[in-house]
N, C-alpha and C. Protein backbone atom coordinates (compact mmCIF):
# COMPACT_ATOMS: atom_id res chain seq x y z
N MET A 1 46.47 29.63 21.97
CA MET A 1 47.60 30.29 21.32
C MET A 1 48.75 29.29 21.25
N GLU A 2 48.85 28.54 20.17
CA GLU A 2 49.84 27.48 20.02
C GLU A 2 51.02 28.01 19.22
N ILE A 3 52.15 28.21 19.87
CA ILE A 3 53.30 28.80 19.21
C ILE A 3 54.54 27.93 19.35
N ALA A 4 54.51 26.94 20.21
CA ALA A 4 55.69 26.13 20.51
C ALA A 4 56.14 25.35 19.28
N ASN A 5 57.35 24.78 19.41
CA ASN A 5 57.95 23.89 18.41
C ASN A 5 58.43 24.62 17.16
N GLY A 6 58.60 25.93 17.23
CA GLY A 6 59.25 26.65 16.15
C GLY A 6 60.77 26.50 16.27
N THR A 7 61.49 26.98 15.27
CA THR A 7 62.95 26.91 15.27
C THR A 7 63.53 28.31 15.31
N LEU A 8 64.51 28.52 16.17
CA LEU A 8 65.15 29.83 16.32
C LEU A 8 66.47 29.86 15.56
N THR A 9 66.75 30.98 14.93
CA THR A 9 68.03 31.13 14.24
C THR A 9 69.12 31.44 15.25
N ALA A 10 70.36 31.29 14.83
CA ALA A 10 71.49 31.56 15.71
C ALA A 10 71.50 33.03 16.14
N ASP A 11 71.14 33.94 15.24
CA ASP A 11 71.12 35.37 15.58
C ASP A 11 70.07 35.68 16.65
N VAL A 12 68.91 35.04 16.54
CA VAL A 12 67.85 35.25 17.54
C VAL A 12 68.28 34.69 18.89
N ILE A 13 68.90 33.52 18.90
CA ILE A 13 69.36 32.93 20.16
C ILE A 13 70.41 33.83 20.80
N ALA A 14 71.32 34.36 19.98
CA ALA A 14 72.35 35.26 20.52
C ALA A 14 71.72 36.50 21.14
N ALA A 15 70.68 37.06 20.49
CA ALA A 15 70.01 38.25 21.02
C ALA A 15 69.24 37.93 22.30
N LEU A 16 68.61 36.76 22.33
CA LEU A 16 67.84 36.36 23.52
C LEU A 16 68.74 36.07 24.71
N THR A 17 69.98 35.70 24.45
CA THR A 17 70.91 35.36 25.54
C THR A 17 71.93 36.46 25.80
N TYR A 18 71.63 37.66 25.34
CA TYR A 18 72.47 38.83 25.62
C TYR A 18 71.91 39.51 26.86
N TRP A 19 72.62 39.37 27.98
CA TRP A 19 72.11 39.84 29.28
C TRP A 19 73.12 40.77 29.96
N PRO A 20 73.32 41.97 29.45
CA PRO A 20 74.30 42.86 30.08
C PRO A 20 73.88 43.33 31.47
N GLY A 21 72.59 43.23 31.78
CA GLY A 21 72.12 43.67 33.09
C GLY A 21 72.12 42.58 34.14
N ALA A 22 72.62 41.39 33.79
CA ALA A 22 72.62 40.27 34.74
C ALA A 22 74.02 39.70 34.86
N ILE A 23 74.38 39.33 36.06
CA ILE A 23 75.65 38.65 36.29
C ILE A 23 75.36 37.17 36.38
N TRP A 24 75.89 36.42 35.42
CA TRP A 24 75.57 35.00 35.34
C TRP A 24 76.86 34.20 35.21
N GLY A 25 76.97 33.13 35.97
CA GLY A 25 78.16 32.31 35.94
C GLY A 25 78.51 31.82 34.55
N GLY A 26 79.77 31.96 34.18
CA GLY A 26 80.21 31.50 32.87
C GLY A 26 80.01 32.50 31.75
N GLN A 27 79.37 33.65 32.05
CA GLN A 27 79.15 34.66 31.02
C GLN A 27 80.16 35.80 31.19
N LYS A 28 80.74 36.23 30.08
CA LYS A 28 81.66 37.36 30.10
C LYS A 28 80.93 38.60 30.59
N ASN A 29 81.61 39.40 31.43
CA ASN A 29 80.96 40.58 32.01
C ASN A 29 81.84 41.82 31.79
N PRO A 30 81.36 42.80 31.01
CA PRO A 30 80.09 42.77 30.26
C PRO A 30 80.23 41.90 29.01
N PRO A 31 79.10 41.35 28.54
CA PRO A 31 79.17 40.50 27.35
C PRO A 31 79.43 41.32 26.09
N ASP A 32 79.95 40.67 25.07
CA ASP A 32 80.15 41.34 23.78
C ASP A 32 78.79 41.73 23.21
N PRO A 33 78.69 42.94 22.64
CA PRO A 33 77.41 43.39 22.07
C PRO A 33 76.93 42.46 20.95
N VAL A 34 75.62 42.35 20.84
CA VAL A 34 75.02 41.55 19.76
C VAL A 34 73.96 42.41 19.07
N ASP A 35 73.46 41.93 17.95
CA ASP A 35 72.46 42.65 17.17
C ASP A 35 71.06 42.33 17.69
N LEU A 36 70.46 43.30 18.40
CA LEU A 36 69.10 43.10 18.94
C LEU A 36 68.03 43.37 17.90
N THR A 37 68.40 43.93 16.76
CA THR A 37 67.39 44.27 15.75
C THR A 37 66.76 43.03 15.12
N VAL A 38 67.32 41.84 15.39
CA VAL A 38 66.72 40.61 14.86
C VAL A 38 65.49 40.21 15.66
N LEU A 39 65.32 40.77 16.87
CA LEU A 39 64.21 40.34 17.71
C LEU A 39 62.85 40.90 17.29
N PRO A 40 62.71 42.20 16.94
CA PRO A 40 61.38 42.67 16.51
C PRO A 40 60.79 41.85 15.37
N PRO A 41 61.54 41.54 14.28
CA PRO A 41 60.96 40.70 13.23
C PRO A 41 60.57 39.32 13.73
N PHE A 42 61.36 38.76 14.65
CA PHE A 42 61.03 37.45 15.22
C PHE A 42 59.72 37.52 16.00
N PHE A 43 59.59 38.52 16.87
CA PHE A 43 58.36 38.66 17.65
C PHE A 43 57.16 38.93 16.74
N ASN A 44 57.36 39.77 15.73
CA ASN A 44 56.26 40.06 14.82
C ASN A 44 55.81 38.82 14.06
N GLU A 45 56.76 37.99 13.66
CA GLU A 45 56.41 36.75 12.96
C GLU A 45 55.58 35.84 13.86
N VAL A 46 55.98 35.74 15.12
CA VAL A 46 55.23 34.89 16.06
C VAL A 46 53.83 35.45 16.27
N LEU A 47 53.71 36.76 16.49
CA LEU A 47 52.40 37.37 16.73
C LEU A 47 51.52 37.32 15.47
N HIS A 48 52.12 37.44 14.31
CA HIS A 48 51.35 37.41 13.06
C HIS A 48 50.77 36.03 12.78
N ASP A 49 51.27 35.00 13.46
CA ASP A 49 50.70 33.67 13.29
C ASP A 49 49.33 33.54 13.96
N LEU A 50 49.00 34.52 14.82
CA LEU A 50 47.70 34.51 15.47
C LEU A 50 46.65 35.01 14.48
N PRO A 51 45.59 34.26 14.22
CA PRO A 51 44.62 34.67 13.20
C PRO A 51 43.90 35.97 13.52
N TRP A 52 43.83 36.32 14.81
CA TRP A 52 43.10 37.52 15.20
C TRP A 52 44.02 38.72 15.41
N TRP A 53 45.32 38.54 15.21
CA TRP A 53 46.25 39.64 15.46
C TRP A 53 46.13 40.71 14.38
N ASN A 54 46.08 41.97 14.81
CA ASN A 54 46.03 43.10 13.89
C ASN A 54 47.45 43.37 13.37
N ARG A 55 47.69 43.09 12.08
CA ARG A 55 49.03 43.21 11.53
C ARG A 55 49.53 44.64 11.42
N ASP A 56 48.64 45.60 11.68
CA ASP A 56 49.10 46.99 11.73
C ASP A 56 49.99 47.23 12.96
N TRP A 57 49.82 46.37 13.98
CA TRP A 57 50.59 46.51 15.21
C TRP A 57 51.86 45.69 15.08
N LYS A 58 52.98 46.33 15.38
CA LYS A 58 54.27 45.66 15.26
C LYS A 58 55.17 46.01 16.44
N VAL A 59 55.99 45.06 16.82
CA VAL A 59 57.02 45.33 17.82
C VAL A 59 58.07 46.21 17.15
N SER A 60 58.25 47.40 17.69
CA SER A 60 59.13 48.37 17.03
C SER A 60 60.47 48.55 17.75
N HIS A 61 60.54 48.12 19.00
CA HIS A 61 61.76 48.36 19.77
C HIS A 61 61.87 47.29 20.85
N VAL A 62 63.07 46.81 21.10
CA VAL A 62 63.32 45.89 22.21
C VAL A 62 64.58 46.31 22.94
N GLU A 63 64.68 45.87 24.18
CA GLU A 63 65.86 46.10 25.00
C GLU A 63 66.46 44.76 25.39
N PRO A 64 67.69 44.74 25.89
CA PRO A 64 68.28 43.47 26.31
C PRO A 64 67.38 42.77 27.34
N GLY A 65 67.34 41.45 27.24
CA GLY A 65 66.49 40.68 28.12
C GLY A 65 67.13 40.35 29.45
N LEU A 66 66.34 39.72 30.30
CA LEU A 66 66.81 39.24 31.60
C LEU A 66 66.49 37.76 31.70
N PRO A 67 67.44 36.93 32.14
CA PRO A 67 67.18 35.50 32.25
C PRO A 67 66.24 35.19 33.41
N LEU A 68 65.24 34.36 33.15
CA LEU A 68 64.35 33.88 34.20
C LEU A 68 64.75 32.46 34.61
N GLU A 69 65.30 31.73 33.68
CA GLU A 69 65.77 30.37 33.91
C GLU A 69 66.80 30.07 32.83
N VAL A 70 67.86 29.37 33.21
CA VAL A 70 68.93 29.09 32.26
C VAL A 70 69.14 27.58 32.17
N GLY A 71 69.02 27.04 30.98
CA GLY A 71 69.19 25.62 30.78
C GLY A 71 70.62 25.18 31.07
N SER A 72 70.76 24.20 31.97
CA SER A 72 72.09 23.70 32.32
C SER A 72 71.92 22.44 33.15
N ASP A 73 73.07 21.76 33.39
CA ASP A 73 73.08 20.62 34.31
C ASP A 73 73.99 20.92 35.49
N HIS A 74 74.11 22.21 35.83
CA HIS A 74 75.02 22.67 36.87
C HIS A 74 74.67 22.04 38.22
N HIS A 75 75.68 21.49 38.90
CA HIS A 75 75.53 20.90 40.23
C HIS A 75 74.48 19.80 40.27
N GLY A 76 74.26 19.15 39.13
CA GLY A 76 73.33 18.03 39.14
C GLY A 76 71.88 18.41 39.23
N HIS A 77 71.57 19.70 39.05
CA HIS A 77 70.17 20.15 39.08
C HIS A 77 69.84 20.71 37.70
N PRO A 78 69.58 19.84 36.75
CA PRO A 78 69.40 20.32 35.37
C PRO A 78 68.14 21.16 35.18
N SER A 79 68.26 22.14 34.33
CA SER A 79 67.10 22.92 33.90
C SER A 79 66.91 22.60 32.42
N ARG A 80 65.71 22.25 32.04
CA ARG A 80 65.46 21.72 30.71
C ARG A 80 65.57 22.77 29.61
N PHE A 81 65.35 24.02 29.96
CA PHE A 81 65.36 25.04 28.91
C PHE A 81 65.73 26.39 29.50
N THR A 82 65.95 27.33 28.61
CA THR A 82 66.23 28.72 29.00
C THR A 82 64.98 29.55 28.77
N GLU A 83 64.68 30.43 29.72
CA GLU A 83 63.55 31.34 29.55
C GLU A 83 64.02 32.75 29.86
N VAL A 84 63.66 33.67 29.00
CA VAL A 84 64.14 35.04 29.13
C VAL A 84 62.99 36.02 28.94
N SER A 85 63.06 37.15 29.64
CA SER A 85 62.06 38.21 29.54
C SER A 85 62.68 39.38 28.77
N VAL A 86 62.00 39.80 27.70
CA VAL A 86 62.53 40.86 26.83
C VAL A 86 61.53 42.01 26.78
N PRO A 87 61.87 43.19 27.32
CA PRO A 87 60.97 44.35 27.25
C PRO A 87 61.12 45.10 25.94
N GLY A 88 60.09 45.86 25.59
CA GLY A 88 60.15 46.64 24.37
C GLY A 88 58.91 47.49 24.19
N THR A 89 58.62 47.80 22.93
CA THR A 89 57.49 48.66 22.60
C THR A 89 56.79 48.10 21.38
N VAL A 90 55.45 48.19 21.36
CA VAL A 90 54.67 47.79 20.20
C VAL A 90 53.83 48.99 19.77
N GLY A 91 53.67 49.16 18.47
CA GLY A 91 52.90 50.31 17.98
C GLY A 91 52.26 50.01 16.64
N SER A 92 51.41 50.93 16.19
CA SER A 92 50.66 50.74 14.95
C SER A 92 51.19 51.60 13.81
N GLY A 93 52.34 52.19 14.01
CA GLY A 93 52.92 53.01 12.95
C GLY A 93 52.66 54.49 13.12
N GLY A 94 51.69 54.86 13.94
CA GLY A 94 51.41 56.27 14.20
C GLY A 94 52.10 56.73 15.47
N ASP A 95 51.45 57.63 16.18
CA ASP A 95 52.02 58.13 17.42
C ASP A 95 51.75 57.20 18.59
N GLU A 96 50.78 56.29 18.44
CA GLU A 96 50.38 55.43 19.55
C GLU A 96 51.36 54.28 19.71
N SER A 97 51.80 54.06 20.92
CA SER A 97 52.66 52.92 21.22
C SER A 97 52.33 52.43 22.63
N LEU A 98 52.61 51.17 22.87
CA LEU A 98 52.32 50.55 24.16
C LEU A 98 53.52 49.75 24.63
N PRO A 99 53.70 49.65 25.95
CA PRO A 99 54.81 48.83 26.45
C PRO A 99 54.57 47.35 26.13
N PHE A 100 55.64 46.67 25.86
CA PHE A 100 55.59 45.27 25.44
C PHE A 100 56.66 44.50 26.20
N VAL A 101 56.33 43.27 26.60
CA VAL A 101 57.35 42.39 27.15
C VAL A 101 57.04 40.97 26.69
N ALA A 102 58.07 40.27 26.24
CA ALA A 102 57.91 38.90 25.78
C ALA A 102 58.64 37.97 26.74
N LYS A 103 58.03 36.84 27.03
CA LYS A 103 58.67 35.78 27.79
C LYS A 103 58.86 34.60 26.85
N VAL A 104 60.12 34.27 26.59
CA VAL A 104 60.44 33.27 25.57
C VAL A 104 61.20 32.12 26.22
N GLY A 105 60.69 30.91 26.06
CA GLY A 105 61.37 29.72 26.55
C GLY A 105 61.85 28.88 25.38
N PHE A 106 63.09 28.42 25.44
CA PHE A 106 63.64 27.65 24.33
C PHE A 106 64.69 26.66 24.84
N ALA A 107 64.82 25.56 24.12
CA ALA A 107 65.83 24.55 24.40
C ALA A 107 66.63 24.35 23.13
N GLY A 108 67.92 24.68 23.17
CA GLY A 108 68.70 24.65 21.95
C GLY A 108 68.14 25.68 20.97
N ASP A 109 67.79 25.23 19.77
CA ASP A 109 67.18 26.15 18.80
C ASP A 109 65.67 25.93 18.68
N ARG A 110 65.08 25.24 19.65
CA ARG A 110 63.65 24.92 19.58
C ARG A 110 62.86 25.82 20.52
N LEU A 111 61.86 26.51 20.00
CA LEU A 111 60.98 27.35 20.80
C LEU A 111 60.05 26.46 21.61
N ILE A 112 60.08 26.64 22.93
CA ILE A 112 59.26 25.83 23.83
C ILE A 112 57.95 26.52 24.17
N ARG A 113 58.04 27.80 24.53
CA ARG A 113 56.82 28.54 24.84
C ARG A 113 57.06 30.03 24.66
N PHE A 114 55.96 30.74 24.46
CA PHE A 114 56.03 32.18 24.22
C PHE A 114 54.83 32.84 24.87
N GLN A 115 55.10 33.94 25.56
CA GLN A 115 54.01 34.73 26.15
C GLN A 115 54.34 36.19 25.92
N ALA A 116 53.36 36.96 25.50
CA ALA A 116 53.54 38.39 25.30
C ALA A 116 52.60 39.16 26.20
N LYS A 117 53.09 40.27 26.74
CA LYS A 117 52.24 41.18 27.50
C LYS A 117 52.31 42.54 26.81
N ILE A 118 51.17 43.01 26.36
CA ILE A 118 51.06 44.30 25.69
C ILE A 118 50.22 45.21 26.56
N ASP A 119 50.84 46.28 27.07
CA ASP A 119 50.21 47.13 28.06
C ASP A 119 49.84 46.26 29.26
N ASP A 120 48.55 46.12 29.58
CA ASP A 120 48.17 45.29 30.72
C ASP A 120 47.45 44.01 30.30
N VAL A 121 47.59 43.62 29.03
CA VAL A 121 46.94 42.42 28.51
C VAL A 121 47.99 41.35 28.25
N VAL A 122 47.77 40.15 28.79
CA VAL A 122 48.70 39.04 28.63
C VAL A 122 48.19 38.10 27.55
N LEU A 123 49.05 37.78 26.59
CA LEU A 123 48.74 36.80 25.55
C LEU A 123 49.62 35.58 25.80
N GLY A 124 48.99 34.46 26.06
CA GLY A 124 49.77 33.27 26.35
C GLY A 124 49.11 32.03 25.80
N PRO A 125 49.81 30.89 25.90
CA PRO A 125 49.26 29.65 25.37
C PRO A 125 48.03 29.20 26.15
N ALA A 126 47.05 28.69 25.45
CA ALA A 126 45.83 28.21 26.08
C ALA A 126 46.00 26.78 26.56
N VAL A 127 45.23 26.44 27.58
CA VAL A 127 45.20 25.06 28.08
C VAL A 127 44.06 24.30 27.43
N ALA A 128 42.90 24.94 27.35
CA ALA A 128 41.72 24.31 26.77
C ALA A 128 41.72 24.51 25.25
N PRO A 129 40.99 23.66 24.52
CA PRO A 129 40.88 23.82 23.06
C PRO A 129 40.20 25.14 22.70
N ALA A 130 40.37 25.55 21.44
CA ALA A 130 39.76 26.80 20.97
C ALA A 130 38.26 26.78 21.20
N GLY A 131 37.74 27.90 21.68
CA GLY A 131 36.31 28.02 21.92
C GLY A 131 35.85 27.48 23.26
N ARG A 132 36.78 26.92 24.04
CA ARG A 132 36.44 26.38 25.36
C ARG A 132 36.98 27.28 26.45
N LEU A 133 36.25 27.37 27.55
CA LEU A 133 36.67 28.20 28.68
C LEU A 133 37.97 27.67 29.27
N GLU A 134 38.87 28.58 29.62
CA GLU A 134 40.12 28.18 30.25
C GLU A 134 39.85 27.71 31.68
N PRO A 135 40.50 26.61 32.11
CA PRO A 135 40.28 26.12 33.48
C PRO A 135 40.88 27.07 34.51
N HIS A 136 40.30 27.07 35.70
CA HIS A 136 40.85 27.86 36.80
C HIS A 136 42.23 27.30 37.15
N PRO A 137 43.25 28.16 37.35
CA PRO A 137 44.60 27.66 37.62
C PRO A 137 44.73 26.84 38.89
N PHE A 138 43.74 26.95 39.82
CA PHE A 138 43.78 26.17 41.05
C PHE A 138 43.65 24.68 40.76
N ALA A 139 43.05 24.34 39.61
CA ALA A 139 42.78 22.94 39.29
C ALA A 139 44.05 22.10 39.27
N ARG A 140 45.06 22.58 38.58
CA ARG A 140 46.30 21.81 38.44
C ARG A 140 47.00 21.64 39.78
N VAL A 141 47.00 22.70 40.60
CA VAL A 141 47.67 22.63 41.90
C VAL A 141 46.93 21.67 42.83
N LEU A 142 45.60 21.79 42.87
CA LEU A 142 44.81 20.90 43.73
C LEU A 142 45.01 19.45 43.32
N THR A 143 44.98 19.18 42.03
CA THR A 143 45.16 17.81 41.54
C THR A 143 46.52 17.28 41.97
N GLY A 144 47.56 18.09 41.84
CA GLY A 144 48.89 17.66 42.24
C GLY A 144 49.00 17.41 43.73
N LEU A 145 48.41 18.30 44.55
CA LEU A 145 48.47 18.14 46.01
C LEU A 145 47.73 16.88 46.46
N MET A 146 46.57 16.65 45.85
CA MET A 146 45.81 15.44 46.20
C MET A 146 46.55 14.18 45.79
N ASP A 147 47.12 14.20 44.60
CA ASP A 147 47.84 13.02 44.11
C ASP A 147 49.08 12.73 44.94
N LEU A 148 49.81 13.78 45.33
CA LEU A 148 51.01 13.59 46.15
C LEU A 148 50.68 12.99 47.51
N ARG A 149 49.51 13.31 48.03
CA ARG A 149 49.09 12.81 49.34
C ARG A 149 48.27 11.53 49.26
N GLY A 150 48.01 11.08 48.05
CA GLY A 150 47.22 9.87 47.89
C GLY A 150 45.78 10.04 48.31
N ILE A 151 45.23 11.24 48.11
CA ILE A 151 43.85 11.52 48.50
C ILE A 151 42.95 11.36 47.28
N PRO A 152 42.12 10.32 47.23
CA PRO A 152 41.23 10.15 46.08
C PRO A 152 40.06 11.14 46.12
N VAL A 153 39.41 11.29 45.01
CA VAL A 153 38.27 12.21 44.91
C VAL A 153 37.18 11.84 45.91
N LYS A 154 36.94 10.56 46.06
CA LYS A 154 35.88 10.10 46.96
C LYS A 154 36.14 10.54 48.40
N ARG A 155 37.39 10.42 48.84
CA ARG A 155 37.72 10.84 50.22
C ARG A 155 37.60 12.35 50.37
N MET A 156 38.10 13.11 49.39
CA MET A 156 38.00 14.58 49.46
C MET A 156 36.54 15.01 49.52
N ALA A 157 35.70 14.35 48.73
CA ALA A 157 34.28 14.68 48.73
C ALA A 157 33.65 14.38 50.09
N ARG A 158 34.00 13.22 50.63
CA ARG A 158 33.41 12.82 51.90
C ARG A 158 33.83 13.74 53.04
N GLU A 159 35.12 14.10 53.11
CA GLU A 159 35.62 14.87 54.23
C GLU A 159 35.32 16.37 54.11
N THR A 160 34.92 16.81 52.93
CA THR A 160 34.50 18.21 52.78
C THR A 160 32.98 18.33 52.69
N ALA A 161 32.31 17.18 52.78
CA ALA A 161 30.84 17.14 52.68
C ALA A 161 30.37 17.74 51.37
N ARG A 162 31.11 17.45 50.30
CA ARG A 162 30.75 17.90 48.96
C ARG A 162 30.53 16.69 48.07
N SER A 163 29.87 16.91 46.97
CA SER A 163 29.65 15.82 46.02
C SER A 163 30.94 15.52 45.27
N MET A 164 31.05 14.29 44.78
CA MET A 164 32.23 13.93 43.99
C MET A 164 32.29 14.76 42.71
N SER A 165 31.13 15.12 42.17
CA SER A 165 31.13 15.92 40.94
C SER A 165 31.73 17.30 41.19
N THR A 166 31.50 17.86 42.39
CA THR A 166 32.09 19.15 42.72
C THR A 166 33.61 19.06 42.77
N ILE A 167 34.12 17.99 43.38
CA ILE A 167 35.57 17.81 43.46
C ILE A 167 36.16 17.58 42.07
N HIS A 168 35.45 16.79 41.27
CA HIS A 168 35.92 16.58 39.89
C HIS A 168 35.98 17.90 39.14
N MET A 169 34.97 18.76 39.32
CA MET A 169 34.95 20.05 38.62
C MET A 169 36.06 20.96 39.12
N LEU A 170 36.40 20.87 40.42
CA LEU A 170 37.51 21.64 40.95
C LEU A 170 38.83 21.19 40.32
N ARG A 171 38.96 19.87 40.14
CA ARG A 171 40.20 19.31 39.60
C ARG A 171 40.37 19.56 38.10
N ASN A 172 39.27 19.76 37.40
CA ASN A 172 39.41 20.06 35.97
C ASN A 172 39.20 21.54 35.67
N GLY A 173 39.03 22.36 36.72
CA GLY A 173 38.99 23.81 36.55
C GLY A 173 37.67 24.40 36.16
N ARG A 174 36.60 23.61 36.25
CA ARG A 174 35.28 24.13 35.86
C ARG A 174 34.49 24.66 37.05
N HIS A 175 35.10 24.66 38.23
CA HIS A 175 34.45 25.19 39.42
C HIS A 175 35.45 26.06 40.17
N ASN A 176 35.05 27.27 40.51
CA ASN A 176 35.95 28.19 41.21
C ASN A 176 36.08 27.82 42.69
N PRO A 177 37.27 27.95 43.26
CA PRO A 177 37.49 27.61 44.67
C PRO A 177 37.06 28.75 45.59
N GLU A 178 35.81 28.74 46.04
CA GLU A 178 35.35 29.81 46.91
C GLU A 178 35.93 29.63 48.32
N PRO A 179 35.92 30.69 49.16
CA PRO A 179 36.60 30.66 50.46
C PRO A 179 36.20 29.50 51.37
N LEU A 180 34.90 29.22 51.51
CA LEU A 180 34.49 28.14 52.41
C LEU A 180 35.04 26.80 51.93
N LEU A 181 35.02 26.58 50.64
CA LEU A 181 35.51 25.33 50.08
C LEU A 181 37.02 25.20 50.28
N THR A 182 37.76 26.28 50.11
CA THR A 182 39.21 26.20 50.33
C THR A 182 39.52 25.91 51.79
N GLN A 183 38.68 26.43 52.69
CA GLN A 183 38.85 26.14 54.12
C GLN A 183 38.68 24.65 54.39
N GLU A 184 37.66 24.05 53.79
CA GLU A 184 37.41 22.63 53.97
C GLU A 184 38.51 21.78 53.34
N ILE A 185 38.97 22.21 52.15
CA ILE A 185 40.01 21.46 51.45
C ILE A 185 41.33 21.51 52.21
N SER A 186 41.64 22.66 52.80
CA SER A 186 42.91 22.79 53.52
C SER A 186 43.02 21.79 54.67
N LYS A 187 41.90 21.51 55.33
CA LYS A 187 41.92 20.54 56.43
C LYS A 187 42.24 19.14 55.93
N VAL A 188 41.66 18.78 54.80
CA VAL A 188 41.90 17.45 54.24
C VAL A 188 43.34 17.33 53.73
N LEU A 189 43.85 18.40 53.16
CA LEU A 189 45.23 18.38 52.67
C LEU A 189 46.26 18.47 53.78
N GLY A 190 45.82 18.90 54.97
CA GLY A 190 46.75 19.09 56.07
C GLY A 190 47.63 20.31 55.87
N MET A 191 47.05 21.36 55.26
CA MET A 191 47.79 22.59 54.99
C MET A 191 47.11 23.77 55.68
N PRO A 192 47.87 24.82 56.01
CA PRO A 192 47.24 26.01 56.57
C PRO A 192 46.23 26.60 55.59
N GLU A 193 45.10 27.04 56.11
CA GLU A 193 44.07 27.61 55.25
C GLU A 193 44.60 28.81 54.48
N ALA A 194 45.44 29.62 55.14
CA ALA A 194 45.98 30.81 54.47
C ALA A 194 46.79 30.42 53.24
N ASP A 195 47.53 29.32 53.32
CA ASP A 195 48.33 28.88 52.18
C ASP A 195 47.44 28.47 51.01
N VAL A 196 46.38 27.74 51.31
CA VAL A 196 45.48 27.28 50.25
C VAL A 196 44.74 28.46 49.64
N ARG A 197 44.40 29.46 50.45
CA ARG A 197 43.74 30.66 49.92
C ARG A 197 44.65 31.39 48.93
N VAL A 198 45.93 31.49 49.27
CA VAL A 198 46.87 32.16 48.36
C VAL A 198 46.98 31.38 47.06
N ILE A 199 47.11 30.05 47.16
CA ILE A 199 47.21 29.22 45.96
C ILE A 199 45.96 29.36 45.09
N ALA A 200 44.81 29.52 45.74
CA ALA A 200 43.55 29.63 45.02
C ALA A 200 43.28 31.05 44.51
N GLY A 201 44.17 31.99 44.82
CA GLY A 201 43.99 33.36 44.37
C GLY A 201 43.02 34.14 45.24
N LEU A 202 42.84 33.70 46.49
CA LEU A 202 41.92 34.35 47.41
C LEU A 202 42.68 35.06 48.52
N ASP A 203 43.84 35.64 48.18
CA ASP A 203 44.70 36.25 49.18
C ASP A 203 44.43 37.73 49.33
N ASP A 204 43.20 38.17 49.03
CA ASP A 204 42.87 39.60 49.11
C ASP A 204 42.09 39.94 50.38
N GLY A 205 42.02 38.97 51.31
CA GLY A 205 41.30 39.22 52.54
C GLY A 205 39.81 39.04 52.44
N SER A 206 39.30 38.59 51.29
CA SER A 206 37.86 38.42 51.13
C SER A 206 37.37 37.23 51.92
N THR A 207 36.14 37.31 52.35
CA THR A 207 35.53 36.21 53.09
C THR A 207 34.30 35.67 52.40
N GLN A 208 33.94 36.27 51.28
CA GLN A 208 32.75 35.83 50.56
C GLN A 208 33.14 35.16 49.26
């Protein structure tokens, strides 16, 4: 789902940065009202770019958003972009409607990323090319932790008694991190096993 690098109009930016429910430094409280009706057409345009999207379904209502991250260089800790969560409703024109929430990241007038959640289904940008399985999210974290500690694949394989191909598959997301493997990896990383289990999505108390 490739949606980034679009351009936002001034009206859309004003609607996305209208946060009456949040107290934010430098923002008038309460802020001056803005026109939120520009957001449904914007969201519909983004969703209609998806070749598989059913155009009968449209975002029909939105509410003021909440900031998740605000682009600034405040106190020397710059944030590269602003990201906001906007709730609303999507429907097909009849009586059926579903809850909708969009997560929109932008820098200036440039769209950085977009994610939509319709009912309990999340639509977001893919990591792998079209038609390819998405990698397990543990892959990126494991790769970063190993690189930060200077742990090469060969050492991780040796100290976990696993093949190098298994470690490579873990790092590129083609192998799921089962409990025993996360236990072995945690020792090599020098991290509590419970922490690695949570990172791997195994925080449900399962042992198998």
